[in-house]
Protein backbone atom coordinates (compact mmCIF):
# COMPACT_ATOMS: atom_id res chain seq x y z
CA MET A 1 -206.73 3.01 6.80
CA LYS A 2 -207.07 6.26 8.53
CA ARG A 3 -209.01 4.35 11.71
CA ARG A 4 -206.12 2.13 11.57
CA LEU A 5 -203.52 4.41 11.76
CA LEU A 6 -205.17 6.34 14.57
CA PRO A 7 -204.93 3.71 17.52
CA ILE A 8 -201.20 3.49 16.04
CA THR A 9 -200.60 7.42 16.27
CA LEU A 10 -202.31 7.36 19.91
CA LEU A 11 -200.03 5.03 21.08
CA ALA A 12 -196.78 6.31 19.58
CA THR A 13 -197.94 9.52 21.03
CA MET A 14 -198.11 8.24 24.72
CA LEU A 15 -194.84 6.00 24.49
CA CYS A 16 -193.25 9.63 23.70
CA VAL A 17 -194.63 11.04 26.54
CA VAL A 18 -193.46 8.02 29.18
CA PHE A 19 -190.16 7.82 27.66
CA SER A 20 -189.37 11.66 27.56
CA VAL A 21 -190.23 12.09 31.37
CA PRO A 22 -187.08 10.41 32.41
CA ALA A 23 -184.97 11.94 29.87
CA LEU A 24 -186.29 15.69 31.42
CA ALA A 25 -185.41 14.40 35.05
CA GLN A 26 -181.82 13.70 33.91
CA GLN A 27 -181.33 16.64 31.77
CA PHE A 28 -182.70 18.96 34.71
CA PRO A 29 -181.91 21.62 35.18
CA THR A 30 -181.49 23.78 31.98
CA LYS A 31 -181.57 27.24 33.47
CA PRO A 32 -181.52 28.82 36.59
CA VAL A 33 -183.51 27.47 39.72
CA ARG A 34 -185.24 29.54 42.39
CA LEU A 35 -185.27 28.71 45.91
CA VAL A 36 -188.23 30.41 47.87
CA ILE A 37 -186.75 31.05 51.54
CA PRO A 38 -190.27 32.48 53.29
CA TRP A 39 -188.07 34.20 55.85
CA THR A 40 -185.79 36.82 56.63
CA ALA A 41 -182.51 36.72 55.75
CA GLY A 42 -179.99 35.64 58.27
CA GLY A 43 -182.14 33.18 60.37
CA SER A 44 -181.30 29.42 60.56
CA THR A 45 -183.60 28.31 57.62
CA ASP A 46 -182.00 31.29 55.59
CA VAL A 47 -178.38 30.07 56.32
CA LEU A 48 -179.20 26.53 55.66
CA GLY A 49 -181.06 27.13 52.83
CA ARG A 50 -178.34 29.15 50.96
CA ALA A 51 -175.71 26.35 52.25
CA LEU A 52 -177.78 23.75 50.23
CA ALA A 53 -178.32 26.54 47.22
CA ASN A 54 -174.76 27.05 46.81
CA GLU A 55 -173.82 23.40 46.69
CA LEU A 56 -176.74 22.33 44.21
CA THR A 57 -175.29 25.21 41.99
CA LYS A 58 -172.25 23.22 41.83
CA VAL A 59 -174.05 20.04 41.20
CA TRP A 60 -176.61 21.03 38.72
CA GLY A 61 -174.13 23.48 36.83
CA GLN A 62 -176.92 26.00 36.90
CA PRO A 63 -177.19 29.13 39.38
CA VAL A 64 -179.83 28.54 42.44
CA VAL A 65 -180.89 31.75 43.35
CA VAL A 66 -182.26 32.23 46.74
CA GLU A 67 -185.31 34.74 47.44
CA ASN A 68 -186.60 35.88 50.77
CA PRO A 69 -190.12 37.12 50.29
CA ALA A 70 -190.89 37.08 54.16
CA GLY A 71 -193.99 38.05 55.66
CA ALA A 72 -197.13 36.81 57.18
CA GLY A 73 -195.30 34.12 59.32
CA SER A 74 -193.97 32.72 55.66
CA VAL A 75 -197.65 32.66 54.28
CA ILE A 76 -196.33 35.13 51.60
CA GLY A 77 -193.42 33.18 49.98
CA ALA A 78 -195.09 29.83 50.21
CA ASP A 79 -198.01 31.37 48.19
CA ARG A 80 -195.51 32.41 45.72
CA VAL A 81 -194.35 28.72 45.51
CA ALA A 82 -197.56 27.71 45.55
CA ASN A 83 -198.66 29.41 42.37
CA SER A 84 -195.67 28.50 40.68
CA ALA A 85 -195.49 25.44 37.83
CA PRO A 86 -194.25 22.20 39.16
CA ASP A 87 -191.45 21.83 36.73
CA GLY A 88 -188.50 21.94 39.43
CA TYR A 89 -187.48 25.40 38.90
CA THR A 90 -188.94 26.79 42.00
CA LEU A 91 -188.18 24.92 45.18
CA MET A 92 -188.94 26.43 48.71
CA MET A 93 -186.98 25.80 51.96
CA THR A 94 -188.69 26.44 55.23
CA ILE A 95 -189.76 25.19 59.00
CA ASP A 96 -192.91 23.40 60.00
CA THR A 97 -194.51 26.29 60.67
CA THR A 98 -195.43 26.78 56.84
CA THR A 99 -197.23 23.47 56.27
CA VAL A 100 -198.51 22.52 59.99
CA HIS A 101 -199.00 25.42 62.23
CA ASN A 102 -200.29 28.14 59.78
CA ARG A 103 -203.33 26.36 58.90
CA PHE A 104 -204.27 26.73 62.59
CA LEU A 105 -203.18 30.27 62.65
CA TYR A 106 -204.71 31.91 59.18
CA LYS A 107 -206.83 31.66 56.66
CA LEU A 108 -204.76 30.48 53.92
CA PRO A 109 -204.78 31.30 50.23
CA TYR A 110 -203.44 27.97 49.30
CA ASP A 111 -203.96 24.15 50.34
CA PRO A 112 -200.91 23.33 52.32
CA ASP A 113 -201.18 19.68 51.67
CA LYS A 114 -201.93 19.84 48.01
CA SER A 115 -200.30 23.02 46.86
CA PHE A 116 -196.73 21.58 47.72
CA THR A 117 -194.54 18.69 46.94
CA PRO A 118 -192.53 17.48 50.09
CA ILE A 119 -188.72 16.38 48.98
CA THR A 120 -186.78 15.91 52.29
CA ILE A 121 -186.58 17.23 55.89
CA VAL A 122 -183.15 18.20 55.71
CA ALA A 123 -182.71 18.43 59.36
CA ARG A 124 -184.19 18.82 62.68
CA SER A 125 -184.25 20.11 66.13
CA GLY A 126 -186.03 19.27 69.28
CA GLN A 127 -186.86 22.28 71.34
CA PHE A 128 -185.48 22.68 74.82
CA VAL A 129 -187.90 23.25 78.02
CA ILE A 130 -185.57 25.44 79.96
CA THR A 131 -185.73 26.80 83.24
CA ASN A 132 -183.96 29.24 85.47
CA PRO A 133 -181.44 27.33 87.60
CA ALA A 134 -182.98 28.37 90.90
CA PHE A 135 -186.14 27.00 90.21
CA PRO A 136 -186.36 23.68 92.20
CA ALA A 137 -187.44 21.34 89.27
CA LYS A 138 -184.87 19.47 88.09
CA ASN A 139 -187.14 17.66 85.34
CA LEU A 140 -190.54 18.00 83.44
CA ARG A 141 -192.45 15.77 86.11
CA GLU A 142 -191.07 17.98 88.98
CA LEU A 143 -192.14 21.06 87.13
CA VAL A 144 -195.80 19.60 86.52
CA ASP A 145 -196.00 18.77 90.16
CA TYR A 146 -194.66 21.91 91.38
CA ALA A 147 -197.35 23.63 89.07
CA ARG A 148 -200.02 21.49 90.63
CA LYS A 149 -198.97 22.47 94.02
CA ASN A 150 -198.63 26.16 93.37
CA PRO A 151 -201.40 27.14 90.84
CA GLY A 152 -200.66 30.01 88.57
CA LYS A 153 -197.13 30.54 90.03
CA VAL A 154 -195.13 29.30 87.53
CA ALA A 155 -194.86 31.77 84.83
CA TYR A 156 -193.56 30.57 81.39
CA ALA A 157 -192.22 33.17 78.60
CA SER A 158 -194.12 33.32 75.44
CA TYR A 159 -193.39 34.99 72.08
CA GLY A 160 -196.97 35.17 70.35
CA GLN A 161 -200.25 33.52 69.80
CA GLY A 162 -199.55 29.91 68.50
CA SER A 163 -195.88 29.94 69.38
CA GLN A 164 -194.19 26.85 71.04
CA PRO A 165 -193.96 27.90 74.41
CA GLU A 166 -197.62 28.77 74.52
CA LEU A 167 -198.92 25.51 72.71
CA PHE A 168 -196.48 23.45 74.75
CA PHE A 169 -197.38 24.79 78.42
CA GLU A 170 -201.34 25.44 77.74
CA THR A 171 -201.57 21.70 76.39
CA LEU A 172 -199.69 20.44 79.26
CA GLY A 173 -201.57 22.44 81.79
CA LYS A 174 -205.02 21.40 80.16
CA ARG A 175 -203.99 17.39 79.94
CA GLU A 176 -202.41 17.65 83.64
CA GLY A 177 -204.79 20.02 84.95
CA VAL A 178 -202.38 22.31 86.28
CA GLN A 179 -201.96 26.25 85.55
CA PHE A 180 -199.39 28.32 84.03
CA LEU A 181 -198.86 31.72 83.75
CA LYS A 182 -198.15 33.07 80.53
CA VAL A 183 -195.96 36.26 80.21
CA PRO A 184 -195.67 37.53 76.85
CA TYR A 185 -192.35 38.65 74.96
CA LYS A 186 -191.12 40.02 71.48
CA GLY A 187 -189.09 36.99 70.37
CA VAL A 188 -187.43 33.79 71.40
CA ALA A 189 -183.97 35.73 72.09
CA ASP A 190 -186.21 38.17 75.22
CA CYS A 191 -187.62 34.73 76.36
CA ILE A 192 -184.27 33.05 76.98
CA ARG A 193 -183.06 36.38 78.70
CA ALA A 194 -185.99 36.24 80.93
CA THR A 195 -185.48 32.79 81.85
CA VAL A 196 -181.91 33.75 82.65
CA ALA A 197 -182.91 36.78 84.79
CA GLY A 198 -185.57 34.87 86.61
CA GLU A 199 -188.56 37.09 85.59
CA VAL A 200 -190.07 33.87 84.16
CA GLN A 201 -189.47 30.34 85.80
CA ALA A 202 -189.40 28.69 81.93
CA THR A 203 -189.58 28.58 78.26
CA ILE A 204 -189.27 27.04 74.89
CA SER A 205 -186.18 27.41 72.85
CA SER A 206 -183.76 25.79 70.49
CA PRO A 207 -180.33 24.11 71.55
CA ALA A 208 -178.89 26.47 68.70
CA ALA A 209 -180.69 29.64 70.51
CA SER A 210 -179.78 28.79 74.04
CA GLY A 211 -177.11 26.10 74.02
CA SER A 212 -174.56 28.78 75.02
CA GLN A 213 -176.74 29.37 78.18
CA VAL A 214 -177.06 25.85 78.77
CA ARG A 215 -173.53 25.21 78.70
CA ALA A 216 -172.38 28.19 80.91
CA GLU A 217 -175.11 26.90 83.16
CA LYS A 218 -177.66 30.21 83.38
CA VAL A 219 -180.57 27.98 81.99
CA ARG A 220 -181.25 24.43 82.82
CA PRO A 221 -182.81 21.94 80.23
CA ILE A 222 -185.19 19.65 82.08
CA ALA A 223 -186.32 18.15 78.61
CA ILE A 224 -186.42 18.13 74.72
CA GLY A 225 -188.80 17.97 72.18
CA GLY A 226 -188.32 15.06 69.12
CA PRO A 227 -188.33 11.38 68.66
CA GLN A 228 -184.90 10.71 70.33
CA ARG A 229 -182.53 12.82 72.55
CA THR A 230 -179.97 15.02 70.71
CA SER A 231 -176.14 13.68 70.24
CA LEU A 232 -175.46 17.49 71.29
CA PHE A 233 -177.05 17.18 74.54
CA PRO A 234 -177.24 13.31 75.29
CA ASN A 235 -178.38 13.53 78.53
CA VAL A 236 -181.26 15.67 78.48
CA PRO A 237 -184.20 13.55 78.23
CA THR A 238 -187.00 13.88 75.55
CA ILE A 239 -190.48 14.90 76.27
CA THR A 240 -191.85 11.66 75.61
CA GLU A 241 -189.49 10.03 78.04
CA SER A 242 -190.52 12.30 80.43
CA GLY A 243 -194.06 11.03 80.15
CA TYR A 244 -195.64 13.57 77.97
CA PRO A 245 -195.90 12.36 74.58
CA TYR A 246 -198.78 14.77 73.61
CA ALA A 247 -197.00 17.98 74.43
CA ASP A 248 -194.03 17.37 71.99
CA ALA A 249 -191.92 20.70 70.81
CA GLY A 250 -189.57 20.60 67.91
CA ILE A 251 -188.84 21.94 64.30
CA TRP A 252 -187.59 20.71 61.13
CA PHE A 253 -186.32 22.36 58.11
CA GLY A 254 -187.97 20.79 54.97
CA LEU A 255 -187.34 21.25 51.09
CA PHE A 256 -190.21 21.51 49.19
CA ALA A 257 -191.50 22.00 45.40
CA PRO A 258 -194.83 23.17 44.13
CA GLY A 259 -197.33 20.58 44.17
CA GLY A 260 -198.15 18.18 41.40
CA MET A 261 -194.31 17.86 40.40
CA ASN A 262 -193.78 14.70 38.39
CA PRO A 263 -192.51 11.91 40.44
CA GLN A 264 -189.01 11.25 38.45
CA LEU A 265 -188.12 14.88 38.88
CA VAL A 266 -188.91 14.67 42.54
CA GLU A 267 -186.78 11.65 42.80
CA ARG A 268 -183.99 13.60 40.91
CA ILE A 269 -184.19 16.49 43.04
CA HIS A 270 -184.22 14.44 46.49
CA ARG A 271 -181.37 12.53 45.13
CA ASP A 272 -179.16 15.28 44.59
CA THR A 273 -180.22 16.80 47.86
CA ILE A 274 -179.06 13.81 49.93
CA ALA A 275 -175.75 13.32 48.52
CA ILE A 276 -175.08 17.02 49.82
CA ILE A 277 -176.60 17.22 52.94
CA LYS A 278 -174.89 13.71 53.91
CA ARG A 279 -171.26 14.68 53.17
CA PRO A 280 -169.31 14.94 56.21
CA ASP A 281 -168.34 18.25 55.41
CA PHE A 282 -171.54 19.90 55.08
CA VAL A 283 -172.91 17.81 57.81
CA GLU A 284 -170.02 19.13 60.29
CA LYS A 285 -170.58 22.91 59.48
CA PHE A 286 -174.28 23.24 58.62
CA ILE A 287 -175.78 20.69 60.52
CA LYS A 288 -174.08 20.16 63.92
CA GLY A 289 -172.45 23.58 63.54
CA PHE A 290 -176.19 24.97 64.17
CA SER A 291 -176.71 22.48 67.04
CA LEU A 292 -179.10 20.29 64.23
CA ASP A 293 -179.84 16.60 63.75
CA LEU A 294 -179.43 15.54 59.85
CA VAL A 295 -182.76 13.57 58.73
CA GLY A 296 -182.73 13.14 55.11
CA ASN A 297 -185.61 11.27 54.82
CA THR A 298 -187.69 10.11 51.29
CA PRO A 299 -190.60 12.14 50.12
CA ALA A 300 -193.07 9.57 51.49
CA GLU A 301 -191.89 9.78 54.94
CA PHE A 302 -191.44 13.28 54.86
CA THR A 303 -195.29 13.32 54.08
CA ALA A 304 -196.52 11.08 56.65
CA VAL A 305 -194.61 13.39 59.28
CA ILE A 306 -196.37 16.37 58.16
CA GLY A 307 -199.72 14.25 58.61
CA SER A 308 -198.39 13.14 62.14
CA ASN A 309 -197.46 16.47 63.22
CA VAL A 310 -200.95 17.82 62.05
CA LYS A 311 -202.60 15.83 64.47
CA MET A 312 -200.50 16.64 67.46
CA ILE A 313 -200.72 20.63 66.44
CA ALA A 314 -204.61 20.47 66.30
CA GLU A 315 -204.64 19.13 69.96
CA MET A 316 -202.19 21.60 70.91
CA VAL A 317 -203.99 24.60 69.59
CA LYS A 318 -207.23 23.64 70.54
CA ALA A 319 -205.77 23.34 74.29
CA ALA A 320 -204.29 26.68 74.03
CA GLY A 321 -207.42 28.31 72.72
CA VAL A 322 -205.54 29.56 69.63
CA LYS A 323 -208.04 31.65 67.07
CA GLN A 324 -207.27 31.73 63.48
CA GLN A 325 -207.11 34.91 62.06
């Protein structure tokens, strides 16, 4: 009799587990949720993350508490998430640097592919290639041609090893057989200022950071990264349109959970997040308001984007001669 009861008991246990998962996903959350933003407070990632946290708090009826364990290019905060339980009560809002670029820059204490569960890219922003208005090149192809005829005389502003200006211009230089001059600055704002002042001829910056200078014609946007033109500056061609698809420059803002989270719970968090970020009022204030483009893709699509980005950045890092620290 005991032998007959054993398979029945095991089957009953398995059924209870299977049917309890959707129920847990529907009941989630039953306590406060932590949203880790591994960057300093006040930046674009922080503002967007806090806006989402505020709206999720209303939808879930539980506080979504933001933490900013910044440092080491987001490695400190990401490590905290990687070592958290995959139960939905720890989430992370970050940019592509965390799961794409950092694997080439640092010896990470976690696996950037297995330690996180992608939920959705909330928004993205192609990065402008901007030049000083006095620079004769009116588009990216003319810039390359000018550099070819004037080796080492086209200077670009960069803000650190592995930064987008360095990756972009060094990749472009290697692939096109031209030489650019790198001039280091402390940050993006300094790079834009140097381009406006004519200390350098070009740099890379986001529409959010340099949009006002573009509108005031203090800098000229000659191309923008990303799969398509931005609706905010529709006359600026993409880098791919310009003929250089291997040297893209863009940034995305994505929502993650720790690796290994249950698919039903992923679907629940994804569904609630998408409903918020696609609301017209949210788009107007936090997406368009920060010169971003709404994405809101699926976890599978997000995973594919990361894989594609890793392949491209690997080539760019190699071209730029960036060494892992």
